[in-house]
Amino acid sequence: MADNGVNESFGRTWTWMAVLAVLCIVGGFMALLNPFGATILAVVLAGWIFLMQGVIQVVHAFRVRDWPGFMWSLGLGVLSLIVGFVLVADPLAGSVPLTLLVAVLFLLTGVAKTMLAFALKPASGWVWVLASGLISVVLGVMILAGLPSSATTILGLLLGIELVSNGVLFLFVALGLRKLGG
């Protein structure tokens, strides 16, 4: 009967999950209403993450100076600092390489999913994997075709879509947890 106690404990947390769902959905719609602003926000956030990672990497490198990989570690840290500084200092310019990276990721994952679909072909549902792969490839090509002008909105649109979809997911989880709480 330990499961009942765990279920009840999870069930009591449903309101927090519901609040998270609402925040994600509202944030997602805000991003969709202003994809340019959301793109700038995403680039600045990425810049700060690169800056923090760079500082940690550089500090770590100097703590292990006798290590044969010291120069590589230091170099990666300095590179992260430079990338972070560029993204924070000029997020509009930084949106182009990040959007290019997203397009390449769509293309690569699309090709991989398409190849996986053909490997799964005798199995039921392989067509859905193929469709997902082809959609990813088309999105990657569309993003690349629109560069550099698409860079000002694509990241914000993707952020908005991701936040709304996560919010819907969290809302369904919250409703499920509510039932557990009795």
C-alpha atoms as a PDB file:
ATOM      1  CA  MET A   1       0.000   0.000   0.000  1.00  0.00           C
ATOM      2  CA  ALA A   2       3.049   2.292  -0.168  1.00  0.00           C
ATOM      3  CA  ASP A   3       1.926   3.244  -3.673  1.00  0.00           C
ATOM      4  CA  ASN A   4      -1.176   4.937  -2.265  1.00  0.00           C
ATOM      5  CA  GLY A   5       0.975   7.191  -0.106  1.00  0.00           C
ATOM      6  CA  VAL A   6       3.183   8.073  -3.061  1.00  0.00           C
ATOM      7  CA  ASN A   7       0.153   8.676  -5.276  1.00  0.00           C
ATOM      8  CA  GLU A   8      -1.431  10.929  -2.651  1.00  0.00           C
ATOM      9  CA  SER A   9       1.846  12.812  -2.260  1.00  0.00           C
ATOM     10  CA  PHE A  10       2.039  13.335  -6.031  1.00  0.00           C
ATOM     11  CA  GLY A  11      -1.621  14.245  -6.061  1.00  0.00           C
ATOM     12  CA  ARG A  12      -1.077  17.099  -3.629  1.00  0.00           C
ATOM     13  CA  THR A  13       1.441  18.689  -6.027  1.00  0.00           C
ATOM     14  CA  TRP A  14      -1.019  19.128  -8.878  1.00  0.00           C
ATOM     15  CA  THR A  15      -1.505  22.853  -8.222  1.00  0.00           C
ATOM     16  CA  TRP A  16       2.206  23.538  -8.707  1.00  0.00           C
ATOM     17  CA  MET A  17       2.140  21.675 -12.002  1.00  0.00           C
ATOM     18  CA  ALA A  18      -0.979  23.616 -13.022  1.00  0.00           C
ATOM     19  CA  VAL A  19       0.757  26.918 -12.212  1.00  0.00           C
ATOM     20  CA  LEU A  20       3.764  25.827 -14.292  1.00  0.00           C
ATOM     21  CA  ALA A  21       1.380  24.901 -17.129  1.00  0.00           C
ATOM     22  CA  VAL A  22      -0.282  28.314 -17.069  1.00  0.00           C
ATOM     23  CA  LEU A  23       3.091  30.109 -16.967  1.00  0.00           C
ATOM     24  CA  CYS A  24       4.328  28.102 -19.949  1.00  0.00           C
ATOM     25  CA  ILE A  25       1.158  28.675 -21.955  1.00  0.00           C
ATOM     26  CA  VAL A  26       1.063  32.411 -21.227  1.00  0.00           C
ATOM     27  CA  GLY A  27       4.789  32.754 -21.935  1.00  0.00           C
ATOM     28  CA  GLY A  28       4.382  30.762 -25.136  1.00  0.00           C
ATOM     29  CA  PHE A  29       1.571  32.965 -26.409  1.00  0.00           C
ATOM     30  CA  MET A  30       3.579  36.063 -25.500  1.00  0.00           C
ATOM     31  CA  ALA A  31       6.480  34.676 -27.537  1.00  0.00           C
ATOM     32  CA  LEU A  32       4.152  33.906 -30.453  1.00  0.00           C
ATOM     33  CA  LEU A  33       2.700  37.419 -30.307  1.00  0.00           C
ATOM     34  CA  ASN A  34       6.194  38.956 -30.316  1.00  0.00           C
ATOM     35  CA  PRO A  35       8.581  36.477 -31.961  1.00  0.00           C
ATOM     36  CA  PHE A  36      11.229  39.162 -32.474  1.00  0.00           C
ATOM     37  CA  GLY A  37      11.328  39.980 -28.753  1.00  0.00           C
ATOM     38  CA  ALA A  38      11.321  36.288 -27.873  1.00  0.00           C
ATOM     39  CA  THR A  39      14.203  35.682 -30.288  1.00  0.00           C
ATOM     40  CA  ILE A  40      16.252  38.457 -28.679  1.00  0.00           C
ATOM     41  CA  LEU A  41      15.435  37.083 -25.219  1.00  0.00           C
ATOM     42  CA  ALA A  42      16.453  33.552 -26.267  1.00  0.00           C
ATOM     43  CA  VAL A  43      19.738  34.784 -27.753  1.00  0.00           C
ATOM     44  CA  VAL A  44      20.589  36.867 -24.662  1.00  0.00           C
ATOM     45  CA  LEU A  45      19.763  33.909 -22.414  1.00  0.00           C
ATOM     46  CA  ALA A  46      21.990  31.660 -24.522  1.00  0.00           C
ATOM     47  CA  GLY A  47      24.711  34.303 -24.296  1.00  0.00           C
ATOM     48  CA  TRP A  48      24.579  34.377 -20.509  1.00  0.00           C
ATOM     49  CA  ILE A  49      24.717  30.592 -20.392  1.00  0.00           C
ATOM     50  CA  PHE A  50      27.809  30.625 -22.624  1.00  0.00           C
ATOM     51  CA  LEU A  51      29.370  33.304 -20.381  1.00  0.00           C
ATOM     52  CA  MET A  52      28.748  31.302 -17.215  1.00  0.00           C
ATOM     53  CA  GLN A  53      30.026  28.120 -18.841  1.00  0.00           C
ATOM     54  CA  GLY A  54      33.115  29.974 -20.057  1.00  0.00           C
ATOM     55  CA  VAL A  55      33.921  31.345 -16.608  1.00  0.00           C
ATOM     56  CA  ILE A  56      33.536  27.901 -15.042  1.00  0.00           C
ATOM     57  CA  GLN A  57      35.685  26.322 -17.786  1.00  0.00           C
ATOM     58  CA  VAL A  58      38.472  28.902 -17.392  1.00  0.00           C
ATOM     59  CA  VAL A  59      38.478  28.614 -13.593  1.00  0.00           C
ATOM     60  CA  HIS A  60      38.565  24.835 -13.892  1.00  0.00           C
ATOM     61  CA  ALA A  61      41.423  24.986 -16.397  1.00  0.00           C
ATOM     62  CA  PHE A  62      43.581  27.021 -14.026  1.00  0.00           C
ATOM     63  CA  ARG A  63      42.817  24.647 -11.167  1.00  0.00           C
ATOM     64  CA  VAL A  64      44.310  21.760 -13.161  1.00  0.00           C
ATOM     65  CA  ARG A  65      47.219  23.566 -14.830  1.00  0.00           C
ATOM     66  CA  ASP A  66      49.434  20.490 -14.739  1.00  0.00           C
ATOM     67  CA  TRP A  67      46.901  18.466 -16.714  1.00  0.00           C
ATOM     68  CA  PRO A  68      47.929  17.753 -20.343  1.00  0.00           C
ATOM     69  CA  GLY A  69      44.550  19.048 -21.538  1.00  0.00           C
ATOM     70  CA  PHE A  70      45.000  22.424 -19.813  1.00  0.00           C
ATOM     71  CA  MET A  71      45.353  24.419 -23.055  1.00  0.00           C
ATOM     72  CA  TRP A  72      42.326  22.726 -24.635  1.00  0.00           C
ATOM     73  CA  SER A  73      40.246  23.357 -21.535  1.00  0.00           C
ATOM     74  CA  LEU A  74      41.376  26.964 -21.348  1.00  0.00           C
ATOM     75  CA  GLY A  75      40.763  27.452 -25.067  1.00  0.00           C
ATOM     76  CA  LEU A  76      37.228  26.105 -24.844  1.00  0.00           C
ATOM     77  CA  GLY A  77      36.542  28.347 -21.877  1.00  0.00           C
ATOM     78  CA  VAL A  78      37.830  31.432 -23.675  1.00  0.00           C
ATOM     79  CA  LEU A  79      35.847  30.499 -26.803  1.00  0.00           C
ATOM     80  CA  SER A  80      32.685  30.168 -24.697  1.00  0.00           C
ATOM     81  CA  LEU A  81      33.361  33.562 -23.144  1.00  0.00           C
ATOM     82  CA  ILE A  82      33.773  35.143 -26.577  1.00  0.00           C
ATOM     83  CA  VAL A  83      30.590  33.534 -27.917  1.00  0.00           C
ATOM     84  CA  GLY A  84      28.678  34.570 -24.807  1.00  0.00           C
ATOM     85  CA  PHE A  85      29.946  38.141 -24.984  1.00  0.00           C
ATOM     86  CA  VAL A  86      29.033  38.438 -28.679  1.00  0.00           C
ATOM     87  CA  LEU A  87      25.532  37.050 -28.083  1.00  0.00           C
ATOM     88  CA  VAL A  88      24.860  39.351 -25.129  1.00  0.00           C
ATOM     89  CA  ALA A  89      26.444  42.434 -26.731  1.00  0.00           C
ATOM     90  CA  ASP A  90      24.604  42.081 -30.067  1.00  0.00           C
ATOM     91  CA  PRO A  91      21.740  39.600 -29.822  1.00  0.00           C
ATOM     92  CA  LEU A  92      20.392  40.535 -33.249  1.00  0.00           C
ATOM     93  CA  ALA A  93      23.657  39.570 -34.923  1.00  0.00           C
ATOM     94  CA  GLY A  94      23.894  36.496 -32.685  1.00  0.00           C
ATOM     95  CA  SER A  95      20.466  35.324 -33.817  1.00  0.00           C
ATOM     96  CA  VAL A  96      21.806  34.472 -37.284  1.00  0.00           C
ATOM     97  CA  PRO A  97      24.347  31.801 -36.244  1.00  0.00           C
ATOM     98  CA  LEU A  98      21.951  30.352 -33.667  1.00  0.00           C
ATOM     99  CA  THR A  99      19.199  30.143 -36.280  1.00  0.00           C
ATOM    100  CA  LEU A 100      21.656  28.509 -38.681  1.00  0.00           C
ATOM    101  CA  LEU A 101      22.483  25.973 -35.978  1.00  0.00           C
ATOM    102  CA  VAL A 102      18.778  25.247 -35.446  1.00  0.00           C
ATOM    103  CA  ALA A 103      18.283  24.776 -39.201  1.00  0.00           C
ATOM    104  CA  VAL A 104      21.204  22.354 -39.397  1.00  0.00           C
ATOM    105  CA  LEU A 105      19.850  20.437 -36.387  1.00  0.00           C
ATOM    106  CA  PHE A 106      16.432  20.179 -38.081  1.00  0.00           C
ATOM    107  CA  LEU A 107      18.100  18.877 -41.243  1.00  0.00           C
ATOM    108  CA  LEU A 108      20.290  16.338 -39.448  1.00  0.00           C
ATOM    109  CA  THR A 109      17.522  15.023 -37.195  1.00  0.00           C
ATOM    110  CA  GLY A 110      15.173  14.928 -40.173  1.00  0.00           C
ATOM    111  CA  VAL A 111      17.593  12.837 -42.203  1.00  0.00           C
ATOM    112  CA  ALA A 112      18.217  10.554 -39.211  1.00  0.00           C
ATOM    113  CA  LYS A 113      14.470  10.085 -38.591  1.00  0.00           C
ATOM    114  CA  THR A 114      13.868   9.400 -42.279  1.00  0.00           C
ATOM    115  CA  MET A 115      16.578   6.738 -42.315  1.00  0.00           C
ATOM    116  CA  LEU A 116      15.144   5.267 -39.100  1.00  0.00           C
ATOM    117  CA  ALA A 117      11.699   5.140 -40.704  1.00  0.00           C
ATOM    118  CA  PHE A 118      12.972   3.034 -43.591  1.00  0.00           C
ATOM    119  CA  ALA A 119      14.748   0.746 -41.130  1.00  0.00           C
ATOM    120  CA  LEU A 120      11.437   0.356 -39.253  1.00  0.00           C
ATOM    121  CA  LYS A 121       9.395  -0.046 -42.470  1.00  0.00           C
ATOM    122  CA  PRO A 122       7.922  -3.461 -41.751  1.00  0.00           C
ATOM    123  CA  ALA A 123       6.785  -2.262 -38.301  1.00  0.00           C
ATOM    124  CA  SER A 124       3.481  -0.552 -37.711  1.00  0.00           C
ATOM    125  CA  GLY A 125       3.734   3.220 -37.439  1.00  0.00           C
ATOM    126  CA  TRP A 126       6.906   3.641 -39.504  1.00  0.00           C
ATOM    127  CA  VAL A 127       5.044   6.159 -41.684  1.00  0.00           C
ATOM    128  CA  TRP A 128       4.714   8.526 -38.696  1.00  0.00           C
ATOM    129  CA  VAL A 129       8.474   8.426 -38.161  1.00  0.00           C
ATOM    130  CA  LEU A 130       8.941   9.124 -41.880  1.00  0.00           C
ATOM    131  CA  ALA A 131       6.487  12.030 -41.752  1.00  0.00           C
ATOM    132  CA  SER A 132       8.277  13.499 -38.744  1.00  0.00           C
ATOM    133  CA  GLY A 133      11.616  13.183 -40.519  1.00  0.00           C
ATOM    134  CA  LEU A 134      10.347  14.816 -43.698  1.00  0.00           C
ATOM    135  CA  ILE A 135       8.750  17.665 -41.733  1.00  0.00           C
ATOM    136  CA  SER A 136      12.057  18.277 -39.949  1.00  0.00           C
ATOM    137  CA  VAL A 137      13.923  18.362 -43.270  1.00  0.00           C
ATOM    138  CA  VAL A 138      11.374  20.763 -44.797  1.00  0.00           C
ATOM    139  CA  LEU A 139      11.566  23.045 -41.737  1.00  0.00           C
ATOM    140  CA  GLY A 140      15.365  23.037 -41.915  1.00  0.00           C
ATOM    141  CA  VAL A 141      15.316  23.920 -45.614  1.00  0.00           C
ATOM    142  CA  MET A 142      12.710  26.656 -45.048  1.00  0.00           C
ATOM    143  CA  ILE A 143      14.778  28.210 -42.261  1.00  0.00           C
ATOM    144  CA  LEU A 144      17.950  28.086 -44.375  1.00  0.00           C
ATOM    145  CA  ALA A 145      16.145  29.584 -47.361  1.00  0.00           C
ATOM    146  CA  GLY A 146      14.947  32.494 -45.242  1.00  0.00           C
ATOM    147  CA  LEU A 147      18.304  33.343 -43.680  1.00  0.00           C
ATOM    148  CA  PRO A 148      19.402  35.890 -42.604  1.00  0.00           C
ATOM    149  CA  SER A 149      16.040  37.678 -42.402  1.00  0.00           C
ATOM    150  CA  SER A 150      14.287  34.689 -40.794  1.00  0.00           C
ATOM    151  CA  ALA A 151      16.765  34.805 -37.922  1.00  0.00           C
ATOM    152  CA  THR A 152      14.894  37.672 -36.292  1.00  0.00           C
ATOM    153  CA  THR A 153      11.769  35.595 -35.663  1.00  0.00           C
ATOM    154  CA  ILE A 154      12.395  31.858 -36.062  1.00  0.00           C
ATOM    155  CA  LEU A 155      13.899  31.293 -32.615  1.00  0.00           C
ATOM    156  CA  GLY A 156      11.062  33.229 -30.975  1.00  0.00           C
ATOM    157  CA  LEU A 157       8.424  31.259 -32.870  1.00  0.00           C
ATOM    158  CA  LEU A 158      10.064  27.958 -31.951  1.00  0.00           C
ATOM    159  CA  LEU A 159      10.319  29.087 -28.317  1.00  0.00           C
ATOM    160  CA  GLY A 160       6.634  30.032 -28.296  1.00  0.00           C
ATOM    161  CA  ILE A 161       5.554  26.725 -29.827  1.00  0.00           C
ATOM    162  CA  GLU A 162       7.712  24.791 -27.364  1.00  0.00           C
ATOM    163  CA  LEU A 163       6.363  26.708 -24.358  1.00  0.00           C
ATOM    164  CA  VAL A 164       2.723  26.258 -25.400  1.00  0.00           C
ATOM    165  CA  SER A 165       3.201  22.541 -26.088  1.00  0.00           C
ATOM    166  CA  ASN A 166       4.971  22.081 -22.750  1.00  0.00           C
ATOM    167  CA  GLY A 167       2.234  24.043 -21.015  1.00  0.00           C
ATOM    168  CA  VAL A 168      -0.459  21.801 -22.483  1.00  0.00           C
ATOM    169  CA  LEU A 169       1.547  18.731 -21.460  1.00  0.00           C
ATOM    170  CA  PHE A 170       1.982  20.077 -17.905  1.00  0.00           C
ATOM    171  CA  LEU A 171      -1.720  20.881 -17.725  1.00  0.00           C
ATOM    172  CA  PHE A 172      -2.648  17.288 -18.580  1.00  0.00           C
ATOM    173  CA  VAL A 173      -0.098  16.037 -16.037  1.00  0.00           C
ATOM    174  CA  ALA A 174      -1.572  18.388 -13.404  1.00  0.00           C
ATOM    175  CA  LEU A 175      -5.076  17.113 -14.097  1.00  0.00           C
ATOM    176  CA  GLY A 176      -3.813  13.532 -13.798  1.00  0.00           C
ATOM    177  CA  LEU A 177      -2.057  14.341 -10.527  1.00  0.00           C
ATOM    178  CA  ARG A 178      -5.228  15.977  -9.220  1.00  0.00           C
ATOM    179  CA  LYS A 179      -7.060  12.675  -9.675  1.00  0.00           C
ATOM    180  CA  LEU A 180      -4.302  10.880  -7.729  1.00  0.00           C
ATOM    181  CA  GLY A 181      -4.760  13.228  -4.800  1.00  0.00           C
ATOM    182  CA  GLY A 182      -8.366  12.230  -4.449  1.00  0.00           C
END
